[in-house]
Amino acid sequence: MKNSQHTPWYRQIAAATTRHMVLKGIGTPFFIGLFFGAYFYVLKAPAYPTTVMPFTWLDRMIGFQPWAMPLYVSLWVYVSLPPALLATRRELYWYGMAMAATCLVGLIAFYFWPTAVPASDIDWARYPGVDFLKNVDAAGNAFPSLHVATAIFSGLWLDRLLRRFDAPLWSRLFSWIWCIGIIYSTLATRQHVAVDVWGGLMLGWVAAWLSLRHHAYAASTPDRI
């Protein structure tokens, strides 16, 4: 960005956020809605019988914590931040394709190898918010955790973008604390087990690494869009 070294980081972010607002405002919720349509279709109509994922020592260490529910739901705000900070259509299109590819890998895994978390003896009716989540999002589509994959994917992109704007360290730390909180919430709400989380971390990290490499290359070439 021209003269970025003379422009405060928060003004750079404000300028980027206001670029292509219609495309961002329509594209992000459309993408999320399309994903949920595919997600629930695969959840209800997998190709094979469901495998129950194993409970590990880490799952036993992290007990059910209903306070983590807001963190879990906040993913949908968190994943909306990277596209909001992109300034060009080319970046937005590439980011959208990379995120879509990440989700597609997970959906293919869910369809051909359906998995579920182990049943719990918790009375979910005592926790209305979590009970609603359990009724809407059943125990299937467990491995890899797309909640974790999209969180780490977004976290790595956010870190790169904040560095580009020369944002202060505290903003990047806040982003990572939020990201880690979302990942932790998948275990604390019993929506996933540790094996699902590791799978999601690997998927999200590889997808972010590949897409950021392309983004760095694209940024060094003229943008004609």
C-alpha atoms as a PDB file:
ATOM      1  CA  MET A   1       0.000   0.000   0.000  1.00  0.00           C
ATOM      2  CA  LYS A   2       1.453   3.352  -1.015  1.00  0.00           C
ATOM      3  CA  ASN A   3       2.781   5.542   1.778  1.00  0.00           C
ATOM      4  CA  SER A   4       1.776   2.884   4.320  1.00  0.00           C
ATOM      5  CA  GLN A   5       4.908   3.670   6.316  1.00  0.00           C
ATOM      6  CA  HIS A   6       3.506   7.166   6.929  1.00  0.00           C
ATOM      7  CA  THR A   7      -0.090   6.115   7.623  1.00  0.00           C
ATOM      8  CA  PRO A   8      -1.114   4.879  11.086  1.00  0.00           C
ATOM      9  CA  TRP A   9      -2.002   1.189  11.141  1.00  0.00           C
ATOM     10  CA  TYR A  10      -5.579   1.811  12.231  1.00  0.00           C
ATOM     11  CA  ARG A  11      -6.170   4.124   9.278  1.00  0.00           C
ATOM     12  CA  GLN A  12      -4.769   1.534   6.914  1.00  0.00           C
ATOM     13  CA  ILE A  13      -7.171  -1.030   8.377  1.00  0.00           C
ATOM     14  CA  ALA A  14     -10.094   1.389   8.105  1.00  0.00           C
ATOM     15  CA  ALA A  15      -9.234   2.078   4.471  1.00  0.00           C
ATOM     16  CA  ALA A  16      -8.961  -1.632   3.629  1.00  0.00           C
ATOM     17  CA  THR A  17     -12.203  -2.449   5.448  1.00  0.00           C
ATOM     18  CA  THR A  18     -14.182   0.099   3.453  1.00  0.00           C
ATOM     19  CA  ARG A  19     -12.965  -1.254   0.109  1.00  0.00           C
ATOM     20  CA  HIS A  20     -15.469  -3.473  -1.754  1.00  0.00           C
ATOM     21  CA  MET A  21     -17.920  -3.339   1.150  1.00  0.00           C
ATOM     22  CA  VAL A  22     -20.824  -4.669  -0.937  1.00  0.00           C
ATOM     23  CA  LEU A  23     -18.807  -7.666  -2.116  1.00  0.00           C
ATOM     24  CA  LYS A  24     -17.660  -8.411   1.437  1.00  0.00           C
ATOM     25  CA  GLY A  25     -21.081  -7.784   2.956  1.00  0.00           C
ATOM     26  CA  ILE A  26     -22.816 -10.155   0.536  1.00  0.00           C
ATOM     27  CA  GLY A  27     -20.021 -12.647  -0.103  1.00  0.00           C
ATOM     28  CA  THR A  28     -19.151 -13.547   3.488  1.00  0.00           C
ATOM     29  CA  PRO A  29     -22.668 -14.433   4.723  1.00  0.00           C
ATOM     30  CA  PHE A  30     -23.419 -16.146   1.385  1.00  0.00           C
ATOM     31  CA  PHE A  31     -20.333 -18.323   1.778  1.00  0.00           C
ATOM     32  CA  ILE A  32     -21.234 -19.193   5.388  1.00  0.00           C
ATOM     33  CA  GLY A  33     -24.818 -20.051   4.378  1.00  0.00           C
ATOM     34  CA  LEU A  34     -23.613 -22.218   1.484  1.00  0.00           C
ATOM     35  CA  PHE A  35     -21.202 -24.020   3.796  1.00  0.00           C
ATOM     36  CA  PHE A  36     -23.903 -24.764   6.358  1.00  0.00           C
ATOM     37  CA  GLY A  37     -26.172 -26.164   3.626  1.00  0.00           C
ATOM     38  CA  ALA A  38     -23.456 -28.600   2.524  1.00  0.00           C
ATOM     39  CA  TYR A  39     -22.448 -29.342   6.123  1.00  0.00           C
ATOM     40  CA  PHE A  40     -25.924 -30.387   7.265  1.00  0.00           C
ATOM     41  CA  TYR A  41     -26.551 -32.380   4.076  1.00  0.00           C
ATOM     42  CA  VAL A  42     -23.417 -34.439   4.679  1.00  0.00           C
ATOM     43  CA  LEU A  43     -24.308 -34.744   8.370  1.00  0.00           C
ATOM     44  CA  LYS A  44     -27.655 -36.343   7.497  1.00  0.00           C
ATOM     45  CA  ALA A  45     -26.591 -38.403   4.473  1.00  0.00           C
ATOM     46  CA  PRO A  46     -23.061 -39.810   4.856  1.00  0.00           C
ATOM     47  CA  ALA A  47     -21.879 -42.571   2.530  1.00  0.00           C
ATOM     48  CA  TYR A  48     -20.878 -45.076   5.209  1.00  0.00           C
ATOM     49  CA  PRO A  49     -21.604 -45.986   8.840  1.00  0.00           C
ATOM     50  CA  THR A  50     -20.335 -43.595  11.492  1.00  0.00           C
ATOM     51  CA  THR A  51     -17.107 -44.190  13.429  1.00  0.00           C
ATOM     52  CA  VAL A  52     -16.996 -42.988  17.040  1.00  0.00           C
ATOM     53  CA  MET A  53     -13.770 -41.111  17.767  1.00  0.00           C
ATOM     54  CA  PRO A  54     -11.665 -42.142  20.792  1.00  0.00           C
ATOM     55  CA  PHE A  55     -11.647 -40.319  24.107  1.00  0.00           C
ATOM     56  CA  THR A  56      -8.085 -39.471  25.184  1.00  0.00           C
ATOM     57  CA  TRP A  57      -6.299 -38.270  28.319  1.00  0.00           C
ATOM     58  CA  LEU A  58      -6.592 -34.682  27.092  1.00  0.00           C
ATOM     59  CA  ASP A  59     -10.368 -34.996  26.829  1.00  0.00           C
ATOM     60  CA  ARG A  60     -10.485 -36.327  30.384  1.00  0.00           C
ATOM     61  CA  MET A  61      -8.321 -33.438  31.551  1.00  0.00           C
ATOM     62  CA  ILE A  62     -10.578 -30.785  29.970  1.00  0.00           C
ATOM     63  CA  GLY A  63     -14.007 -31.176  31.495  1.00  0.00           C
ATOM     64  CA  PHE A  64     -17.273 -29.775  30.177  1.00  0.00           C
ATOM     65  CA  GLN A  65     -17.337 -25.991  30.655  1.00  0.00           C
ATOM     66  CA  PRO A  66     -20.571 -24.267  29.574  1.00  0.00           C
ATOM     67  CA  TRP A  67     -18.965 -20.805  29.807  1.00  0.00           C
ATOM     68  CA  ALA A  68     -17.008 -21.701  26.636  1.00  0.00           C
ATOM     69  CA  MET A  69     -20.167 -21.616  24.508  1.00  0.00           C
ATOM     70  CA  PRO A  70     -19.829 -17.897  23.527  1.00  0.00           C
ATOM     71  CA  LEU A  71     -16.222 -18.547  22.451  1.00  0.00           C
ATOM     72  CA  TYR A  72     -17.382 -21.458  20.303  1.00  0.00           C
ATOM     73  CA  VAL A  73     -20.041 -19.369  18.569  1.00  0.00           C
ATOM     74  CA  SER A  74     -17.641 -16.420  18.107  1.00  0.00           C
ATOM     75  CA  LEU A  75     -15.884 -18.360  15.334  1.00  0.00           C
ATOM     76  CA  TRP A  76     -18.335 -16.868  12.837  1.00  0.00           C
ATOM     77  CA  VAL A  77     -17.187 -13.382  13.773  1.00  0.00           C
ATOM     78  CA  TYR A  78     -13.528 -14.390  13.769  1.00  0.00           C
ATOM     79  CA  VAL A  79     -13.586 -15.954  10.295  1.00  0.00           C
ATOM     80  CA  SER A  80     -15.182 -12.771   8.919  1.00  0.00           C
ATOM     81  CA  LEU A  81     -12.207 -10.594   9.937  1.00  0.00           C
ATOM     82  CA  PRO A  82      -9.557 -11.625   7.341  1.00  0.00           C
ATOM     83  CA  PRO A  83     -11.769 -10.943   4.294  1.00  0.00           C
ATOM     84  CA  ALA A  84     -12.809  -7.628   5.880  1.00  0.00           C
ATOM     85  CA  LEU A  85      -9.137  -6.561   5.916  1.00  0.00           C
ATOM     86  CA  LEU A  86      -8.435  -7.446   2.284  1.00  0.00           C
ATOM     87  CA  ALA A  87      -8.294  -4.460  -0.041  1.00  0.00           C
ATOM     88  CA  THR A  88      -8.497  -5.892  -3.570  1.00  0.00           C
ATOM     89  CA  ARG A  89     -10.896  -8.149  -5.413  1.00  0.00           C
ATOM     90  CA  ARG A  90      -8.077 -10.461  -6.404  1.00  0.00           C
ATOM     91  CA  GLU A  91      -7.157 -10.997  -2.739  1.00  0.00           C
ATOM     92  CA  LEU A  92     -10.801 -11.544  -1.814  1.00  0.00           C
ATOM     93  CA  TYR A  93     -11.362 -14.078  -4.592  1.00  0.00           C
ATOM     94  CA  TRP A  94      -8.208 -15.980  -3.741  1.00  0.00           C
ATOM     95  CA  TYR A  95      -8.988 -15.986  -0.029  1.00  0.00           C
ATOM     96  CA  GLY A  96     -12.504 -17.231  -0.723  1.00  0.00           C
ATOM     97  CA  MET A  97     -11.221 -20.058  -2.924  1.00  0.00           C
ATOM     98  CA  ALA A  98      -8.630 -21.081  -0.327  1.00  0.00           C
ATOM     99  CA  MET A  99     -11.199 -21.142   2.477  1.00  0.00           C
ATOM    100  CA  ALA A 100     -13.641 -23.035   0.241  1.00  0.00           C
ATOM    101  CA  ALA A 101     -10.974 -25.633  -0.553  1.00  0.00           C
ATOM    102  CA  THR A 102     -10.277 -26.068   3.163  1.00  0.00           C
ATOM    103  CA  CYS A 103     -13.945 -26.645   3.913  1.00  0.00           C
ATOM    104  CA  LEU A 104     -14.332 -28.958   0.901  1.00  0.00           C
ATOM    105  CA  VAL A 105     -11.552 -31.236   2.150  1.00  0.00           C
ATOM    106  CA  GLY A 106     -13.336 -31.497   5.476  1.00  0.00           C
ATOM    107  CA  LEU A 107     -16.725 -32.149   3.873  1.00  0.00           C
ATOM    108  CA  ILE A 108     -15.282 -34.897   1.667  1.00  0.00           C
ATOM    109  CA  ALA A 109     -13.784 -36.528   4.772  1.00  0.00           C
ATOM    110  CA  PHE A 110     -17.154 -36.273   6.554  1.00  0.00           C
ATOM    111  CA  TYR A 111     -18.977 -37.862   3.617  1.00  0.00           C
ATOM    112  CA  PHE A 112     -16.679 -40.822   2.996  1.00  0.00           C
ATOM    113  CA  TRP A 113     -15.557 -41.333   6.616  1.00  0.00           C
ATOM    114  CA  PRO A 114     -18.363 -40.099   8.888  1.00  0.00           C
ATOM    115  CA  THR A 115     -17.265 -39.713  12.484  1.00  0.00           C
ATOM    116  CA  ALA A 116     -18.892 -38.714  15.770  1.00  0.00           C
ATOM    117  CA  VAL A 117     -17.834 -37.799  19.300  1.00  0.00           C
ATOM    118  CA  PRO A 118     -18.523 -40.316  22.084  1.00  0.00           C
ATOM    119  CA  ALA A 119     -21.845 -40.036  23.888  1.00  0.00           C
ATOM    120  CA  SER A 120     -21.752 -38.081  27.118  1.00  0.00           C
ATOM    121  CA  ASP A 121     -23.692 -38.592  30.351  1.00  0.00           C
ATOM    122  CA  ILE A 122     -24.178 -34.831  30.760  1.00  0.00           C
ATOM    123  CA  ASP A 123     -27.772 -33.590  31.108  1.00  0.00           C
ATOM    124  CA  TRP A 124     -27.696 -31.008  28.325  1.00  0.00           C
ATOM    125  CA  ALA A 125     -31.138 -29.681  29.289  1.00  0.00           C
ATOM    126  CA  ARG A 126     -29.454 -27.983  32.258  1.00  0.00           C
ATOM    127  CA  TYR A 127     -27.491 -25.823  29.797  1.00  0.00           C
ATOM    128  CA  PRO A 128     -29.987 -24.325  27.305  1.00  0.00           C
ATOM    129  CA  GLY A 129     -27.398 -22.695  25.051  1.00  0.00           C
ATOM    130  CA  VAL A 130     -25.326 -25.848  24.693  1.00  0.00           C
ATOM    131  CA  ASP A 131     -28.468 -27.970  24.418  1.00  0.00           C
ATOM    132  CA  PHE A 132     -29.609 -25.858  21.464  1.00  0.00           C
ATOM    133  CA  LEU A 133     -26.204 -26.344  19.811  1.00  0.00           C
ATOM    134  CA  LYS A 134     -26.366 -30.111  20.362  1.00  0.00           C
ATOM    135  CA  ASN A 135     -29.830 -30.273  18.790  1.00  0.00           C
ATOM    136  CA  VAL A 136     -28.858 -28.192  15.765  1.00  0.00           C
ATOM    137  CA  ASP A 137     -25.342 -29.557  15.250  1.00  0.00           C
ATOM    138  CA  ALA A 138     -25.457 -33.264  16.074  1.00  0.00           C
ATOM    139  CA  ALA A 139     -22.446 -35.286  17.196  1.00  0.00           C
ATOM    140  CA  GLY A 140     -21.375 -36.141  13.632  1.00  0.00           C
ATOM    141  CA  ASN A 141     -18.887 -34.495  11.271  1.00  0.00           C
ATOM    142  CA  ALA A 142     -16.221 -34.742  13.952  1.00  0.00           C
ATOM    143  CA  PHE A 143     -12.870 -35.444  12.249  1.00  0.00           C
ATOM    144  CA  PRO A 144     -11.226 -33.222  11.192  1.00  0.00           C
ATOM    145  CA  SER A 145     -12.792 -30.401  13.175  1.00  0.00           C
ATOM    146  CA  LEU A 146     -13.665 -27.706  10.630  1.00  0.00           C
ATOM    147  CA  HIS A 147     -14.289 -25.378  13.564  1.00  0.00           C
ATOM    148  CA  VAL A 148     -10.614 -25.714  14.430  1.00  0.00           C
ATOM    149  CA  ALA A 149      -9.413 -25.758  10.809  1.00  0.00           C
ATOM    150  CA  THR A 150     -11.164 -22.508   9.899  1.00  0.00           C
ATOM    151  CA  ALA A 151     -10.088 -20.871  13.168  1.00  0.00           C
ATOM    152  CA  ILE A 152      -6.373 -21.589  12.646  1.00  0.00           C
ATOM    153  CA  PHE A 153      -6.656 -20.741   8.929  1.00  0.00           C
ATOM    154  CA  SER A 154      -8.178 -17.365   9.830  1.00  0.00           C
ATOM    155  CA  GLY A 155      -5.673 -16.821  12.647  1.00  0.00           C
ATOM    156  CA  LEU A 156      -2.684 -17.276  10.357  1.00  0.00           C
ATOM    157  CA  TRP A 157      -4.172 -14.974   7.733  1.00  0.00           C
ATOM    158  CA  LEU A 158      -5.043 -12.353  10.345  1.00  0.00           C
ATOM    159  CA  ASP A 159      -1.505 -12.440  11.689  1.00  0.00           C
ATOM    160  CA  ARG A 160      -0.087 -11.895   8.202  1.00  0.00           C
ATOM    161  CA  LEU A 161      -2.484  -9.016   7.488  1.00  0.00           C
ATOM    162  CA  LEU A 162      -1.858  -7.299  10.819  1.00  0.00           C
ATOM    163  CA  ARG A 163       1.872  -7.519  10.157  1.00  0.00           C
ATOM    164  CA  ARG A 164       1.316  -5.955   6.740  1.00  0.00           C
ATOM    165  CA  PHE A 165      -0.467  -3.034   8.380  1.00  0.00           C
ATOM    166  CA  ASP A 166       2.331  -2.809  10.967  1.00  0.00           C
ATOM    167  CA  ALA A 167      -0.288  -3.216  13.688  1.00  0.00           C
ATOM    168  CA  PRO A 168       0.959  -3.260  17.300  1.00  0.00           C
ATOM    169  CA  LEU A 169       1.926  -6.525  18.946  1.00  0.00           C
ATOM    170  CA  TRP A 170      -1.060  -6.453  21.288  1.00  0.00           C
ATOM    171  CA  SER A 171      -3.475  -6.715  18.343  1.00  0.00           C
ATOM    172  CA  ARG A 172      -1.775  -9.863  17.077  1.00  0.00           C
ATOM    173  CA  LEU A 173      -1.654 -11.334  20.578  1.00  0.00           C
ATOM    174  CA  PHE A 174      -5.358 -10.610  21.022  1.00  0.00           C
ATOM    175  CA  SER A 175      -6.083 -12.369  17.720  1.00  0.00           C
ATOM    176  CA  TRP A 176      -4.133 -15.459  18.770  1.00  0.00           C
ATOM    177  CA  ILE A 177      -5.723 -15.555  22.234  1.00  0.00           C
ATOM    178  CA  TRP A 178      -9.142 -15.422  20.566  1.00  0.00           C
ATOM    179  CA  CYS A 179      -8.133 -18.160  18.101  1.00  0.00           C
ATOM    180  CA  ILE A 180      -6.802 -20.420  20.865  1.00  0.00           C
ATOM    181  CA  GLY A 181      -9.953 -19.760  22.882  1.00  0.00           C
ATOM    182  CA  ILE A 182     -12.127 -20.932  19.976  1.00  0.00           C
ATOM    183  CA  ILE A 183     -10.032 -24.072  19.579  1.00  0.00           C
ATOM    184  CA  TYR A 184     -10.219 -24.757  23.316  1.00  0.00           C
ATOM    185  CA  SER A 185     -13.990 -24.262  23.269  1.00  0.00           C
ATOM    186  CA  THR A 186     -14.442 -27.184  20.860  1.00  0.00           C
ATOM    187  CA  LEU A 187     -13.217 -29.472  23.655  1.00  0.00           C
ATOM    188  CA  ALA A 188     -14.811 -27.577  26.541  1.00  0.00           C
ATOM    189  CA  THR A 189     -18.277 -27.763  24.941  1.00  0.00           C
ATOM    190  CA  ARG A 190     -17.799 -31.459  24.082  1.00  0.00           C
ATOM    191  CA  GLN A 191     -18.429 -30.764  20.405  1.00  0.00           C
ATOM    192  CA  HIS A 192     -15.118 -32.424  19.542  1.00  0.00           C
ATOM    193  CA  VAL A 193     -12.467 -34.640  21.066  1.00  0.00           C
ATOM    194  CA  ALA A 194      -8.715 -34.072  20.969  1.00  0.00           C
ATOM    195  CA  VAL A 195      -8.167 -36.254  17.884  1.00  0.00           C
ATOM    196  CA  ASP A 196     -10.614 -34.071  15.930  1.00  0.00           C
ATOM    197  CA  VAL A 197      -8.762 -30.962  17.067  1.00  0.00           C
ATOM    198  CA  TRP A 198      -5.385 -32.290  15.890  1.00  0.00           C
ATOM    199  CA  GLY A 199      -6.895 -33.149  12.518  1.00  0.00           C
ATOM    200  CA  GLY A 200      -8.388 -29.662  12.224  1.00  0.00           C
ATOM    201  CA  LEU A 201      -5.088 -28.032  13.180  1.00  0.00           C
ATOM    202  CA  MET A 202      -3.225 -29.946  10.479  1.00  0.00           C
ATOM    203  CA  LEU A 203      -5.817 -29.194   7.817  1.00  0.00           C
ATOM    204  CA  GLY A 204      -6.067 -25.492   8.665  1.00  0.00           C
ATOM    205  CA  TRP A 205      -2.311 -24.991   8.980  1.00  0.00           C
ATOM    206  CA  VAL A 206      -1.484 -26.670   5.652  1.00  0.00           C
ATOM    207  CA  ALA A 207      -4.264 -24.776   3.852  1.00  0.00           C
ATOM    208  CA  ALA A 208      -3.146 -21.440   5.322  1.00  0.00           C
ATOM    209  CA  TRP A 209       0.530 -22.106   4.541  1.00  0.00           C
ATOM    210  CA  LEU A 210      -0.212 -22.932   0.904  1.00  0.00           C
ATOM    211  CA  SER A 211      -2.605 -20.022   0.403  1.00  0.00           C
ATOM    212  CA  LEU A 212      -0.323 -17.497   2.118  1.00  0.00           C
ATOM    213  CA  ARG A 213       2.581 -18.571  -0.064  1.00  0.00           C
ATOM    214  CA  HIS A 214       0.438 -17.838  -3.118  1.00  0.00           C
ATOM    215  CA  HIS A 215      -0.735 -14.576  -1.565  1.00  0.00           C
ATOM    216  CA  ALA A 216       2.853 -13.426  -1.025  1.00  0.00           C
ATOM    217  CA  TYR A 217       3.677 -14.207  -4.645  1.00  0.00           C
ATOM    218  CA  ALA A 218       0.537 -12.495  -5.954  1.00  0.00           C
ATOM    219  CA  ALA A 219       1.278  -9.406  -3.852  1.00  0.00           C
ATOM    220  CA  SER A 220       4.587  -8.979  -5.689  1.00  0.00           C
ATOM    221  CA  THR A 221       2.843  -8.812  -9.081  1.00  0.00           C
ATOM    222  CA  PRO A 222       0.725  -5.909 -10.396  1.00  0.00           C
ATOM    223  CA  ASP A 223      -2.953  -6.010  -9.443  1.00  0.00           C
ATOM    224  CA  ARG A 224      -5.153  -5.194 -12.420  1.00  0.00           C
ATOM    225  CA  ILE A 225      -8.462  -5.770 -10.746  1.00  0.00           C
END
